[in-house]
Amino acid sequence: MKPVKRSDAAHIILWLLLLAIPLAGCAAVSASPVPPTPTATAIVVSEALRQDAEAMATHMGISVDEAIRRLSLQDPIGRLGAELEQREAETFVGLWIQHEPEYRVVVAFTRDGQETIKPYVENTPLAGLIEVRTARVSLAELKAAQGEVIQLVRELGLPFSSGINVQQNRVELSVSDRSLFEASMQNSNLQLPQHVEIVVTYEPLGDEIPFALTPVPDLAFPQLRAQSATFMLALLQGKLVIREGCLRVTGGDEDAGGLVIWQPDYFLNDNDGIVEVLDREGEVVARVGEKVRMGGGEVPLTAELQRQLREPLPSQCEGPYWLMGEVVVDQ
């Protein structure tokens, strides 16, 4: 794995903070009340902390000392979230950091929030930073709904991802083809659980392709029915070749290569005997006989993956299988 540079780490930490990523459940559960955090004047400022603080201060328009103070509170805030999730599961909704218009730690409960939070933060540096809000559904209920919807959607054979948005107090189900998803739900006589909202991450072209194609007969082009909800980030590079009627990316004659499982909205085209792959804009992204680079990752041909394919794989199209992410086109 490539090591992370300090500048990269600072950038990562900064964006996590700016996006107000919910902290509930992100830390190990503590068996004792949240310990006091040292005041800003007592903080031991390492070089790494100072670099992160300087980057944060520049981006947010605050002093370096204020940035150091905010960064030093990350651990106790995380411990508070874990503590509340364990001990107040019936009413705890979530916890997140708000940086603007003023720095606050927002904690939400379904009821009795002020009374619940008091013993956890009194006599600690968090006491004056807490803003209590009320929401309808507890984090425990949202987790239960998320588990239910994951099991339900897996039966449809469609790619998806899900997460809990504590600020919006809901489970978000990300799908890449809403029409196909809703039709599949209806055909299977299924309904989403309560507190689940669909988030559409991609709109496919559908049946109306806005450019001409010349078909390539007898060439397998395995393709997903719906775009993956997330892409793997490994890199496959080599020559795009046809072997036994299957498109593969190979590093040489002795290399079996990877059989590519393509995302939707890629198309085969015969251009005067040259087999091309076009994207949704009609642009050539790969040609047989030429080098190609694409993101993605090697995957086993599981029953779940086979249900996601438009058509069954021909028997001669053996693995290893590469589930593509995006083709890397040199500019």
C-alpha atoms as a PDB file:
ATOM      1  CA  MET A   1       0.000   0.000   0.000  1.00  0.00           C
ATOM      2  CA  LYS A   2       1.302   3.447  -0.883  1.00  0.00           C
ATOM      3  CA  PRO A   3       2.224   5.421   2.281  1.00  0.00           C
ATOM      4  CA  VAL A   4       0.173   8.521   3.022  1.00  0.00           C
ATOM      5  CA  LYS A   5       2.173  11.747   3.073  1.00  0.00           C
ATOM      6  CA  ARG A   6       1.660  14.197   5.898  1.00  0.00           C
ATOM      7  CA  SER A   7       0.183  16.740   3.503  1.00  0.00           C
ATOM      8  CA  ASP A   8      -2.236  14.087   2.240  1.00  0.00           C
ATOM      9  CA  ALA A   9      -3.234  13.151   5.776  1.00  0.00           C
ATOM     10  CA  ALA A  10      -3.869  16.781   6.658  1.00  0.00           C
ATOM     11  CA  HIS A  11      -6.072  17.171   3.623  1.00  0.00           C
ATOM     12  CA  ILE A  12      -8.036  14.019   4.500  1.00  0.00           C
ATOM     13  CA  ILE A  13      -8.583  15.119   8.102  1.00  0.00           C
ATOM     14  CA  LEU A  14      -9.604  18.598   6.993  1.00  0.00           C
ATOM     15  CA  TRP A  15     -12.263  17.339   4.620  1.00  0.00           C
ATOM     16  CA  LEU A  16     -13.667  14.945   7.183  1.00  0.00           C
ATOM     17  CA  LEU A  17     -14.108  17.872   9.512  1.00  0.00           C
ATOM     18  CA  LEU A  18     -15.560  20.221   6.914  1.00  0.00           C
ATOM     19  CA  LEU A  19     -18.120  17.662   5.824  1.00  0.00           C
ATOM     20  CA  ALA A  20     -19.274  17.196   9.426  1.00  0.00           C
ATOM     21  CA  ILE A  21     -19.024  13.411   9.231  1.00  0.00           C
ATOM     22  CA  PRO A  22     -21.149  11.939  12.044  1.00  0.00           C
ATOM     23  CA  LEU A  23     -18.937  10.638  14.819  1.00  0.00           C
ATOM     24  CA  ALA A  24     -21.418   8.368  16.595  1.00  0.00           C
ATOM     25  CA  GLY A  25     -20.021   4.863  16.784  1.00  0.00           C
ATOM     26  CA  CYS A  26     -16.666   5.768  15.242  1.00  0.00           C
ATOM     27  CA  ALA A  27     -14.667   5.183  18.398  1.00  0.00           C
ATOM     28  CA  ALA A  28     -14.265   2.186  20.657  1.00  0.00           C
ATOM     29  CA  VAL A  29     -16.886   1.999  23.396  1.00  0.00           C
ATOM     30  CA  SER A  30     -15.626   3.319  26.692  1.00  0.00           C
ATOM     31  CA  ALA A  31     -16.551   1.603  29.948  1.00  0.00           C
ATOM     32  CA  SER A  32     -16.291   4.778  32.011  1.00  0.00           C
ATOM     33  CA  PRO A  33     -17.572   8.378  31.760  1.00  0.00           C
ATOM     34  CA  VAL A  34     -15.844  10.618  29.241  1.00  0.00           C
ATOM     35  CA  PRO A  35     -12.594  11.822  30.850  1.00  0.00           C
ATOM     36  CA  PRO A  36     -11.783  15.532  30.908  1.00  0.00           C
ATOM     37  CA  THR A  37      -9.774  16.794  27.982  1.00  0.00           C
ATOM     38  CA  PRO A  38      -6.742  18.986  28.681  1.00  0.00           C
ATOM     39  CA  THR A  39      -7.216  22.658  27.953  1.00  0.00           C
ATOM     40  CA  ALA A  40      -5.694  24.142  24.820  1.00  0.00           C
ATOM     41  CA  THR A  41      -2.722  25.522  26.765  1.00  0.00           C
ATOM     42  CA  ALA A  42      -1.863  22.016  28.000  1.00  0.00           C
ATOM     43  CA  ILE A  43      -2.024  20.320  24.604  1.00  0.00           C
ATOM     44  CA  VAL A  44       1.222  18.776  23.431  1.00  0.00           C
ATOM     45  CA  VAL A  45       1.459  20.001  19.850  1.00  0.00           C
ATOM     46  CA  SER A  46       3.307  17.540  17.663  1.00  0.00           C
ATOM     47  CA  GLU A  47       4.608  18.503  14.253  1.00  0.00           C
ATOM     48  CA  ALA A  48       1.915  16.372  12.652  1.00  0.00           C
ATOM     49  CA  LEU A  49      -0.843  18.100  14.657  1.00  0.00           C
ATOM     50  CA  ARG A  50       0.524  21.525  13.796  1.00  0.00           C
ATOM     51  CA  GLN A  51       0.618  20.709  10.068  1.00  0.00           C
ATOM     52  CA  ASP A  52      -2.994  19.540  10.196  1.00  0.00           C
ATOM     53  CA  ALA A  53      -3.993  22.618  12.188  1.00  0.00           C
ATOM     54  CA  GLU A  54      -2.246  25.005   9.781  1.00  0.00           C
ATOM     55  CA  ALA A  55      -4.027  23.439   6.814  1.00  0.00           C
ATOM     56  CA  MET A  56      -7.368  23.586   8.628  1.00  0.00           C
ATOM     57  CA  ALA A  57      -6.804  27.199   9.726  1.00  0.00           C
ATOM     58  CA  THR A  58      -5.973  28.338   6.206  1.00  0.00           C
ATOM     59  CA  HIS A  59      -8.995  26.663   4.678  1.00  0.00           C
ATOM     60  CA  MET A  60     -11.509  27.748   7.319  1.00  0.00           C
ATOM     61  CA  GLY A  61     -10.208  31.214   8.077  1.00  0.00           C
ATOM     62  CA  ILE A  62      -9.542  30.562  11.781  1.00  0.00           C
ATOM     63  CA  SER A  63      -6.409  30.873  13.886  1.00  0.00           C
ATOM     64  CA  VAL A  64      -3.939  28.016  14.194  1.00  0.00           C
ATOM     65  CA  ASP A  65      -4.574  27.918  17.959  1.00  0.00           C
ATOM     66  CA  GLU A  66      -8.311  27.531  17.356  1.00  0.00           C
ATOM     67  CA  ALA A  67      -7.650  24.783  14.811  1.00  0.00           C
ATOM     68  CA  ILE A  68      -5.434  22.972  17.331  1.00  0.00           C
ATOM     69  CA  ARG A  69      -8.197  23.239  19.926  1.00  0.00           C
ATOM     70  CA  ARG A  70     -10.784  21.771  17.574  1.00  0.00           C
ATOM     71  CA  LEU A  71      -8.507  18.931  16.477  1.00  0.00           C
ATOM     72  CA  SER A  72      -7.632  18.110  20.091  1.00  0.00           C
ATOM     73  CA  LEU A  73     -11.335  17.591  20.837  1.00  0.00           C
ATOM     74  CA  GLN A  74     -11.773  14.867  18.207  1.00  0.00           C
ATOM     75  CA  ASP A  75     -10.981  11.964  20.532  1.00  0.00           C
ATOM     76  CA  PRO A  76     -13.261  13.000  23.414  1.00  0.00           C
ATOM     77  CA  ILE A  77     -16.066  13.765  20.952  1.00  0.00           C
ATOM     78  CA  GLY A  78     -15.668  10.323  19.424  1.00  0.00           C
ATOM     79  CA  ARG A  79     -15.692   8.706  22.848  1.00  0.00           C
ATOM     80  CA  LEU A  80     -18.834  10.648  23.749  1.00  0.00           C
ATOM     81  CA  GLY A  81     -20.602   9.367  20.648  1.00  0.00           C
ATOM     82  CA  ALA A  82     -19.637   5.773  21.423  1.00  0.00           C
ATOM     83  CA  GLU A  83     -20.695   6.173  25.046  1.00  0.00           C
ATOM     84  CA  LEU A  84     -24.116   7.519  24.133  1.00  0.00           C
ATOM     85  CA  GLU A  85     -24.670   4.875  21.470  1.00  0.00           C
ATOM     86  CA  GLN A  86     -24.004   2.138  24.015  1.00  0.00           C
ATOM     87  CA  ARG A  87     -25.745   3.519  27.093  1.00  0.00           C
ATOM     88  CA  GLU A  88     -28.577   5.614  25.622  1.00  0.00           C
ATOM     89  CA  ALA A  89     -29.512   3.417  22.672  1.00  0.00           C
ATOM     90  CA  GLU A  90     -33.260   3.880  23.207  1.00  0.00           C
ATOM     91  CA  THR A  91     -33.172   7.635  22.551  1.00  0.00           C
ATOM     92  CA  PHE A  92     -29.777   8.466  21.009  1.00  0.00           C
ATOM     93  CA  VAL A  93     -30.030   9.623  17.395  1.00  0.00           C
ATOM     94  CA  GLY A  94     -26.498  10.702  16.540  1.00  0.00           C
ATOM     95  CA  LEU A  95     -23.667  13.168  17.022  1.00  0.00           C
ATOM     96  CA  TRP A  96     -21.779  15.403  14.595  1.00  0.00           C
ATOM     97  CA  ILE A  97     -19.565  18.480  14.500  1.00  0.00           C
ATOM     98  CA  GLN A  98     -20.767  21.829  13.175  1.00  0.00           C
ATOM     99  CA  HIS A  99     -18.025  24.290  12.185  1.00  0.00           C
ATOM    100  CA  GLU A 100     -20.119  27.203  10.946  1.00  0.00           C
ATOM    101  CA  PRO A 101     -21.528  29.671  11.783  1.00  0.00           C
ATOM    102  CA  GLU A 102     -19.917  28.694  15.089  1.00  0.00           C
ATOM    103  CA  TYR A 103     -18.185  25.602  16.370  1.00  0.00           C
ATOM    104  CA  ARG A 104     -20.623  23.211  18.026  1.00  0.00           C
ATOM    105  CA  VAL A 105     -20.991  19.525  18.843  1.00  0.00           C
ATOM    106  CA  VAL A 106     -24.547  18.639  17.887  1.00  0.00           C
ATOM    107  CA  VAL A 107     -26.144  15.712  19.738  1.00  0.00           C
ATOM    108  CA  ALA A 108     -29.636  14.507  18.852  1.00  0.00           C
ATOM    109  CA  PHE A 109     -32.074  12.421  20.896  1.00  0.00           C
ATOM    110  CA  THR A 110     -35.654  11.347  20.386  1.00  0.00           C
ATOM    111  CA  ARG A 111     -36.591  12.904  23.766  1.00  0.00           C
ATOM    112  CA  ASP A 112     -35.186  14.298  27.038  1.00  0.00           C
ATOM    113  CA  GLY A 113     -31.950  15.345  25.390  1.00  0.00           C
ATOM    114  CA  GLN A 114     -30.876  18.050  27.826  1.00  0.00           C
ATOM    115  CA  GLU A 115     -31.296  15.807  30.847  1.00  0.00           C
ATOM    116  CA  THR A 116     -29.621  12.858  29.124  1.00  0.00           C
ATOM    117  CA  ILE A 117     -26.489  14.657  27.981  1.00  0.00           C
ATOM    118  CA  LYS A 118     -25.759  16.586  31.165  1.00  0.00           C
ATOM    119  CA  PRO A 119     -23.890  13.916  33.193  1.00  0.00           C
ATOM    120  CA  TYR A 120     -21.740  12.989  30.196  1.00  0.00           C
ATOM    121  CA  VAL A 121     -20.299  16.457  29.574  1.00  0.00           C
ATOM    122  CA  GLU A 122     -20.446  18.465  32.805  1.00  0.00           C
ATOM    123  CA  ASN A 123     -17.030  19.463  34.099  1.00  0.00           C
ATOM    124  CA  THR A 124     -15.399  18.682  30.731  1.00  0.00           C
ATOM    125  CA  PRO A 125     -14.304  21.030  27.912  1.00  0.00           C
ATOM    126  CA  LEU A 126     -17.282  19.781  25.895  1.00  0.00           C
ATOM    127  CA  ALA A 127     -19.817  21.276  28.300  1.00  0.00           C
ATOM    128  CA  GLY A 128     -20.100  24.637  26.578  1.00  0.00           C
ATOM    129  CA  LEU A 129     -19.976  23.203  23.069  1.00  0.00           C
ATOM    130  CA  ILE A 130     -23.021  20.938  23.059  1.00  0.00           C
ATOM    131  CA  GLU A 131     -26.157  21.751  21.094  1.00  0.00           C
ATOM    132  CA  VAL A 132     -29.017  19.326  21.735  1.00  0.00           C
ATOM    133  CA  ARG A 133     -31.578  18.599  19.030  1.00  0.00           C
ATOM    134  CA  THR A 134     -34.615  16.341  18.775  1.00  0.00           C
ATOM    135  CA  ALA A 135     -35.359  13.851  15.996  1.00  0.00           C
ATOM    136  CA  ARG A 136     -37.962  11.144  15.432  1.00  0.00           C
ATOM    137  CA  VAL A 137     -35.940   7.953  15.015  1.00  0.00           C
ATOM    138  CA  SER A 138     -33.140   6.558  17.171  1.00  0.00           C
ATOM    139  CA  LEU A 139     -29.826   5.388  15.728  1.00  0.00           C
ATOM    140  CA  ALA A 140     -30.641   1.833  16.835  1.00  0.00           C
ATOM    141  CA  GLU A 141     -33.883   1.926  14.821  1.00  0.00           C
ATOM    142  CA  LEU A 142     -32.050   3.280  11.788  1.00  0.00           C
ATOM    143  CA  LYS A 143     -29.471   0.501  12.023  1.00  0.00           C
ATOM    144  CA  ALA A 144     -32.243  -2.072  12.163  1.00  0.00           C
ATOM    145  CA  ALA A 145     -33.898  -0.525   9.098  1.00  0.00           C
ATOM    146  CA  GLN A 146     -30.565  -0.505   7.273  1.00  0.00           C
ATOM    147  CA  GLY A 147     -30.030  -4.201   7.973  1.00  0.00           C
ATOM    148  CA  GLU A 148     -33.517  -4.971   6.722  1.00  0.00           C
ATOM    149  CA  VAL A 149     -33.137  -3.025   3.492  1.00  0.00           C
ATOM    150  CA  ILE A 150     -29.723  -4.558   2.730  1.00  0.00           C
ATOM    151  CA  GLN A 151     -31.191  -8.045   2.955  1.00  0.00           C
ATOM    152  CA  LEU A 152     -34.192  -7.022   0.864  1.00  0.00           C
ATOM    153  CA  VAL A 153     -32.237  -5.382  -1.977  1.00  0.00           C
ATOM    154  CA  ARG A 154     -29.721  -8.215  -2.260  1.00  0.00           C
ATOM    155  CA  GLU A 155     -32.586 -10.420  -3.410  1.00  0.00           C
ATOM    156  CA  LEU A 156     -33.131  -8.145  -6.432  1.00  0.00           C
ATOM    157  CA  GLY A 157     -29.710  -8.792  -7.961  1.00  0.00           C
ATOM    158  CA  LEU A 158     -28.936  -5.079  -8.328  1.00  0.00           C
ATOM    159  CA  PRO A 159     -25.876  -3.173  -7.123  1.00  0.00           C
ATOM    160  CA  PHE A 160     -26.449  -0.749  -4.266  1.00  0.00           C
ATOM    161  CA  SER A 161     -24.880   0.869  -1.244  1.00  0.00           C
ATOM    162  CA  SER A 162     -26.418   2.179   1.947  1.00  0.00           C
ATOM    163  CA  GLY A 163     -25.568   4.444   4.828  1.00  0.00           C
ATOM    164  CA  ILE A 164     -27.115   6.213   7.794  1.00  0.00           C
ATOM    165  CA  ASN A 165     -27.434   9.987   7.551  1.00  0.00           C
ATOM    166  CA  VAL A 166     -27.810  10.954  11.189  1.00  0.00           C
ATOM    167  CA  GLN A 167     -28.232  14.641  10.383  1.00  0.00           C
ATOM    168  CA  GLN A 168     -31.206  13.897   8.146  1.00  0.00           C
ATOM    169  CA  ASN A 169     -32.329  11.092  10.500  1.00  0.00           C
ATOM    170  CA  ARG A 170     -32.719   8.487   7.794  1.00  0.00           C
ATOM    171  CA  VAL A 171     -31.203   5.502   6.027  1.00  0.00           C
ATOM    172  CA  GLU A 172     -30.038   6.332   2.507  1.00  0.00           C
ATOM    173  CA  LEU A 173     -30.136   3.637  -0.165  1.00  0.00           C
ATOM    174  CA  SER A 174     -27.990   4.563  -3.166  1.00  0.00           C
ATOM    175  CA  VAL A 175     -29.082   3.032  -6.479  1.00  0.00           C
ATOM    176  CA  SER A 176     -27.846   3.718  -9.993  1.00  0.00           C
ATOM    177  CA  ASP A 177     -30.990   3.066 -12.033  1.00  0.00           C
ATOM    178  CA  ARG A 178     -34.164   4.201 -10.285  1.00  0.00           C
ATOM    179  CA  SER A 179     -36.560   2.904 -12.932  1.00  0.00           C
ATOM    180  CA  LEU A 180     -35.018  -0.566 -12.920  1.00  0.00           C
ATOM    181  CA  PHE A 181     -34.899  -0.603  -9.128  1.00  0.00           C
ATOM    182  CA  GLU A 182     -38.545   0.389  -8.722  1.00  0.00           C
ATOM    183  CA  ALA A 183     -39.697  -2.072 -11.388  1.00  0.00           C
ATOM    184  CA  SER A 184     -37.732  -4.857  -9.694  1.00  0.00           C
ATOM    185  CA  MET A 185     -39.266  -3.985  -6.334  1.00  0.00           C
ATOM    186  CA  GLN A 186     -42.766  -4.006  -7.820  1.00  0.00           C
ATOM    187  CA  ASN A 187     -42.222  -7.296  -9.670  1.00  0.00           C
ATOM    188  CA  SER A 188     -40.976  -8.891  -6.458  1.00  0.00           C
ATOM    189  CA  ASN A 189     -43.860  -7.386  -4.444  1.00  0.00           C
ATOM    190  CA  LEU A 190     -41.405  -5.724  -2.061  1.00  0.00           C
ATOM    191  CA  GLN A 191     -41.559  -2.426  -0.173  1.00  0.00           C
ATOM    192  CA  LEU A 192     -38.837  -0.383   1.452  1.00  0.00           C
ATOM    193  CA  PRO A 193     -38.814  -0.298   5.259  1.00  0.00           C
ATOM    194  CA  GLN A 194     -39.716   2.906   7.062  1.00  0.00           C
ATOM    195  CA  HIS A 195     -37.090   5.650   7.369  1.00  0.00           C
ATOM    196  CA  VAL A 196     -35.335   4.636   4.107  1.00  0.00           C
ATOM    197  CA  GLU A 197     -34.850   7.167   1.303  1.00  0.00           C
ATOM    198  CA  ILE A 198     -33.599   6.377  -2.199  1.00  0.00           C
ATOM    199  CA  VAL A 199     -30.594   8.360  -3.436  1.00  0.00           C
ATOM    200  CA  VAL A 200     -30.040   8.091  -7.199  1.00  0.00           C
ATOM    201  CA  THR A 201     -26.337   8.086  -8.106  1.00  0.00           C
ATOM    202  CA  TYR A 202     -26.598   7.583 -11.870  1.00  0.00           C
ATOM    203  CA  GLU A 203     -29.150   7.925 -14.655  1.00  0.00           C
ATOM    204  CA  PRO A 204     -28.557   5.432 -17.497  1.00  0.00           C
ATOM    205  CA  LEU A 205     -29.169   6.223 -21.144  1.00  0.00           C
ATOM    206  CA  GLY A 206     -31.881   3.612 -21.466  1.00  0.00           C
ATOM    207  CA  ASP A 207     -32.897   2.157 -24.815  1.00  0.00           C
ATOM    208  CA  GLU A 208     -32.482   5.348 -26.854  1.00  0.00           C
ATOM    209  CA  ILE A 209     -28.781   5.430 -27.821  1.00  0.00           C
ATOM    210  CA  PRO A 210     -27.986   8.887 -29.294  1.00  0.00           C
ATOM    211  CA  PHE A 211     -25.456   7.650 -31.871  1.00  0.00           C
ATOM    212  CA  ALA A 212     -25.153   4.948 -34.520  1.00  0.00           C
ATOM    213  CA  LEU A 213     -23.592   1.560 -33.761  1.00  0.00           C
ATOM    214  CA  THR A 214     -22.509  -1.275 -36.028  1.00  0.00           C
ATOM    215  CA  PRO A 215     -23.070  -4.548 -34.155  1.00  0.00           C
ATOM    216  CA  VAL A 216     -20.219  -6.974 -33.509  1.00  0.00           C
ATOM    217  CA  PRO A 217     -21.708 -10.475 -33.847  1.00  0.00           C
ATOM    218  CA  ASP A 218     -20.483 -13.473 -31.861  1.00  0.00           C
ATOM    219  CA  LEU A 219     -18.466 -11.385 -29.400  1.00  0.00           C
ATOM    220  CA  ALA A 220     -19.382 -11.662 -25.727  1.00  0.00           C
ATOM    221  CA  PHE A 221     -19.690  -8.337 -23.934  1.00  0.00           C
ATOM    222  CA  PRO A 222     -20.627  -9.127 -20.303  1.00  0.00           C
ATOM    223  CA  GLN A 223     -22.248  -6.099 -18.730  1.00  0.00           C
ATOM    224  CA  LEU A 224     -24.041  -5.159 -15.532  1.00  0.00           C
ATOM    225  CA  ARG A 225     -27.755  -4.393 -15.596  1.00  0.00           C
ATOM    226  CA  ALA A 226     -27.152  -1.321 -13.415  1.00  0.00           C
ATOM    227  CA  GLN A 227     -24.026   0.655 -12.647  1.00  0.00           C
ATOM    228  CA  SER A 228     -22.101  -0.321  -9.534  1.00  0.00           C
ATOM    229  CA  ALA A 229     -22.948   1.865  -6.555  1.00  0.00           C
ATOM    230  CA  THR A 230     -19.242   2.178  -5.741  1.00  0.00           C
ATOM    231  CA  PHE A 231     -16.125   1.507  -7.822  1.00  0.00           C
ATOM    232  CA  MET A 232     -13.075  -0.445  -6.748  1.00  0.00           C
ATOM    233  CA  LEU A 233      -9.842   1.467  -7.290  1.00  0.00           C
ATOM    234  CA  ALA A 234      -7.289  -1.083  -8.461  1.00  0.00           C
ATOM    235  CA  LEU A 235      -5.799  -0.618 -11.952  1.00  0.00           C
ATOM    236  CA  LEU A 236      -5.860  -3.101 -14.843  1.00  0.00           C
ATOM    237  CA  GLN A 237      -3.666  -2.318 -17.810  1.00  0.00           C
ATOM    238  CA  GLY A 238      -2.664  -4.256 -20.903  1.00  0.00           C
ATOM    239  CA  LYS A 239      -3.832  -4.934 -24.434  1.00  0.00           C
ATOM    240  CA  LEU A 240      -7.516  -5.409 -25.230  1.00  0.00           C
ATOM    241  CA  VAL A 241      -7.791  -8.698 -27.142  1.00  0.00           C
ATOM    242  CA  ILE A 242     -10.411 -11.164 -28.333  1.00  0.00           C
ATOM    243  CA  ARG A 243      -9.908 -14.771 -27.262  1.00  0.00           C
ATOM    244  CA  GLU A 244     -12.512 -17.457 -27.959  1.00  0.00           C
ATOM    245  CA  GLY A 245     -15.116 -14.790 -28.557  1.00  0.00           C
ATOM    246  CA  CYS A 246     -14.429 -12.998 -25.258  1.00  0.00           C
ATOM    247  CA  LEU A 247     -12.903  -9.563 -24.623  1.00  0.00           C
ATOM    248  CA  ARG A 248      -9.928  -9.727 -22.283  1.00  0.00           C
ATOM    249  CA  VAL A 249      -7.160  -7.406 -21.125  1.00  0.00           C
ATOM    250  CA  THR A 250      -3.834  -9.205 -21.222  1.00  0.00           C
ATOM    251  CA  GLY A 251      -0.213  -8.408 -20.494  1.00  0.00           C
ATOM    252  CA  GLY A 252       1.144 -10.695 -23.228  1.00  0.00           C
ATOM    253  CA  ASP A 253       0.679 -13.856 -25.237  1.00  0.00           C
ATOM    254  CA  GLU A 254       1.301 -16.111 -22.242  1.00  0.00           C
ATOM    255  CA  ASP A 255      -1.013 -14.120 -19.982  1.00  0.00           C
ATOM    256  CA  ALA A 256      -4.627 -15.336 -19.811  1.00  0.00           C
ATOM    257  CA  GLY A 257      -5.623 -11.808 -18.855  1.00  0.00           C
ATOM    258  CA  GLY A 258      -8.728 -10.548 -17.148  1.00  0.00           C
ATOM    259  CA  LEU A 259     -12.196 -10.929 -18.606  1.00  0.00           C
ATOM    260  CA  VAL A 260     -13.835  -7.537 -18.209  1.00  0.00           C
ATOM    261  CA  ILE A 261     -17.342  -7.171 -16.821  1.00  0.00           C
ATOM    262  CA  TRP A 262     -18.376  -3.798 -18.199  1.00  0.00           C
ATOM    263  CA  GLN A 263     -20.487  -1.139 -16.551  1.00  0.00           C
ATOM    264  CA  PRO A 264     -23.706  -0.019 -18.313  1.00  0.00           C
ATOM    265  CA  ASP A 265     -23.542   2.588 -21.066  1.00  0.00           C
ATOM    266  CA  TYR A 266     -20.483   1.154 -22.780  1.00  0.00           C
ATOM    267  CA  PHE A 267     -21.085  -0.151 -26.298  1.00  0.00           C
ATOM    268  CA  LEU A 268     -19.373  -2.395 -28.849  1.00  0.00           C
ATOM    269  CA  ASN A 269     -18.943  -0.975 -32.348  1.00  0.00           C
ATOM    270  CA  ASP A 270     -17.467  -2.378 -35.569  1.00  0.00           C
ATOM    271  CA  ASN A 271     -15.600   0.442 -37.276  1.00  0.00           C
ATOM    272  CA  ASP A 272     -14.582  -1.014 -40.667  1.00  0.00           C
ATOM    273  CA  GLY A 273     -13.325  -4.210 -39.051  1.00  0.00           C
ATOM    274  CA  ILE A 274     -11.839  -2.556 -35.955  1.00  0.00           C
ATOM    275  CA  VAL A 275     -13.706  -3.443 -32.768  1.00  0.00           C
ATOM    276  CA  GLU A 276     -14.159  -0.408 -30.545  1.00  0.00           C
ATOM    277  CA  VAL A 277     -15.719   0.277 -27.165  1.00  0.00           C
ATOM    278  CA  LEU A 278     -17.652   3.544 -26.958  1.00  0.00           C
ATOM    279  CA  ASP A 279     -18.815   5.417 -23.864  1.00  0.00           C
ATOM    280  CA  ARG A 280     -22.220   7.061 -23.398  1.00  0.00           C
ATOM    281  CA  GLU A 281     -21.054  10.118 -25.337  1.00  0.00           C
ATOM    282  CA  GLY A 282     -20.129   7.979 -28.337  1.00  0.00           C
ATOM    283  CA  GLU A 283     -16.415   8.519 -27.721  1.00  0.00           C
ATOM    284  CA  VAL A 284     -13.954   5.676 -28.297  1.00  0.00           C
ATOM    285  CA  VAL A 285     -12.402   4.596 -24.996  1.00  0.00           C
ATOM    286  CA  ALA A 286     -10.788   1.326 -26.114  1.00  0.00           C
ATOM    287  CA  ARG A 287      -9.890  -0.580 -29.285  1.00  0.00           C
ATOM    288  CA  VAL A 288      -9.080  -4.240 -29.738  1.00  0.00           C
ATOM    289  CA  GLY A 289      -5.348  -4.597 -30.290  1.00  0.00           C
ATOM    290  CA  GLU A 290      -4.468  -1.430 -28.385  1.00  0.00           C
ATOM    291  CA  LYS A 291      -3.410  -0.803 -24.799  1.00  0.00           C
ATOM    292  CA  VAL A 292      -6.111   0.047 -22.282  1.00  0.00           C
ATOM    293  CA  ARG A 293      -6.167   1.052 -18.637  1.00  0.00           C
ATOM    294  CA  MET A 294      -9.203   0.792 -16.407  1.00  0.00           C
ATOM    295  CA  GLY A 295     -10.036   1.005 -12.748  1.00  0.00           C
ATOM    296  CA  GLY A 296     -11.950  -1.637 -10.872  1.00  0.00           C
ATOM    297  CA  GLY A 297     -10.992  -4.879  -9.187  1.00  0.00           C
ATOM    298  CA  GLU A 298     -10.786  -8.645  -9.604  1.00  0.00           C
ATOM    299  CA  VAL A 299     -13.923 -10.403  -8.372  1.00  0.00           C
ATOM    300  CA  PRO A 300     -15.182 -13.982  -8.035  1.00  0.00           C
ATOM    301  CA  LEU A 301     -18.138 -14.977 -10.175  1.00  0.00           C
ATOM    302  CA  THR A 302     -20.580 -15.335  -7.302  1.00  0.00           C
ATOM    303  CA  ALA A 303     -24.268 -16.082  -7.628  1.00  0.00           C
ATOM    304  CA  GLU A 304     -24.980 -12.486  -6.583  1.00  0.00           C
ATOM    305  CA  LEU A 305     -22.747 -11.090  -9.345  1.00  0.00           C
ATOM    306  CA  GLN A 306     -24.305 -13.400 -11.933  1.00  0.00           C
ATOM    307  CA  ARG A 307     -27.753 -12.042 -11.020  1.00  0.00           C
ATOM    308  CA  GLN A 308     -26.460  -8.552 -11.773  1.00  0.00           C
ATOM    309  CA  LEU A 309     -25.451  -9.396 -15.359  1.00  0.00           C
ATOM    310  CA  ARG A 310     -27.602  -8.521 -18.358  1.00  0.00           C
ATOM    311  CA  GLU A 311     -27.008 -11.987 -19.817  1.00  0.00           C
ATOM    312  CA  PRO A 312     -25.334 -15.170 -18.547  1.00  0.00           C
ATOM    313  CA  LEU A 313     -21.642 -15.497 -19.344  1.00  0.00           C
ATOM    314  CA  PRO A 314     -20.773 -17.901 -22.188  1.00  0.00           C
ATOM    315  CA  SER A 315     -19.061 -21.017 -20.885  1.00  0.00           C
ATOM    316  CA  GLN A 316     -15.815 -20.239 -22.715  1.00  0.00           C
ATOM    317  CA  CYS A 317     -15.498 -16.831 -21.010  1.00  0.00           C
ATOM    318  CA  GLU A 318     -13.612 -18.027 -17.967  1.00  0.00           C
ATOM    319  CA  GLY A 319     -11.979 -15.940 -15.247  1.00  0.00           C
ATOM    320  CA  PRO A 320     -10.208 -14.235 -13.730  1.00  0.00           C
ATOM    321  CA  TYR A 321     -12.947 -11.612 -13.847  1.00  0.00           C
ATOM    322  CA  TRP A 322     -12.373  -7.864 -13.681  1.00  0.00           C
ATOM    323  CA  LEU A 323     -15.321  -5.725 -12.576  1.00  0.00           C
ATOM    324  CA  MET A 324     -14.488  -2.435 -14.211  1.00  0.00           C
ATOM    325  CA  GLY A 325     -14.804   0.987 -12.654  1.00  0.00           C
ATOM    326  CA  GLU A 326     -13.912   3.566 -15.277  1.00  0.00           C
ATOM    327  CA  VAL A 327     -11.686   3.487 -18.337  1.00  0.00           C
ATOM    328  CA  VAL A 328      -8.635   5.736 -17.975  1.00  0.00           C
ATOM    329  CA  VAL A 329      -8.330   7.762 -21.174  1.00  0.00           C
ATOM    330  CA  ASP A 330      -5.057   9.586 -21.787  1.00  0.00           C
ATOM    331  CA  GLN A 331      -5.526  13.194 -22.759  1.00  0.00           C
END
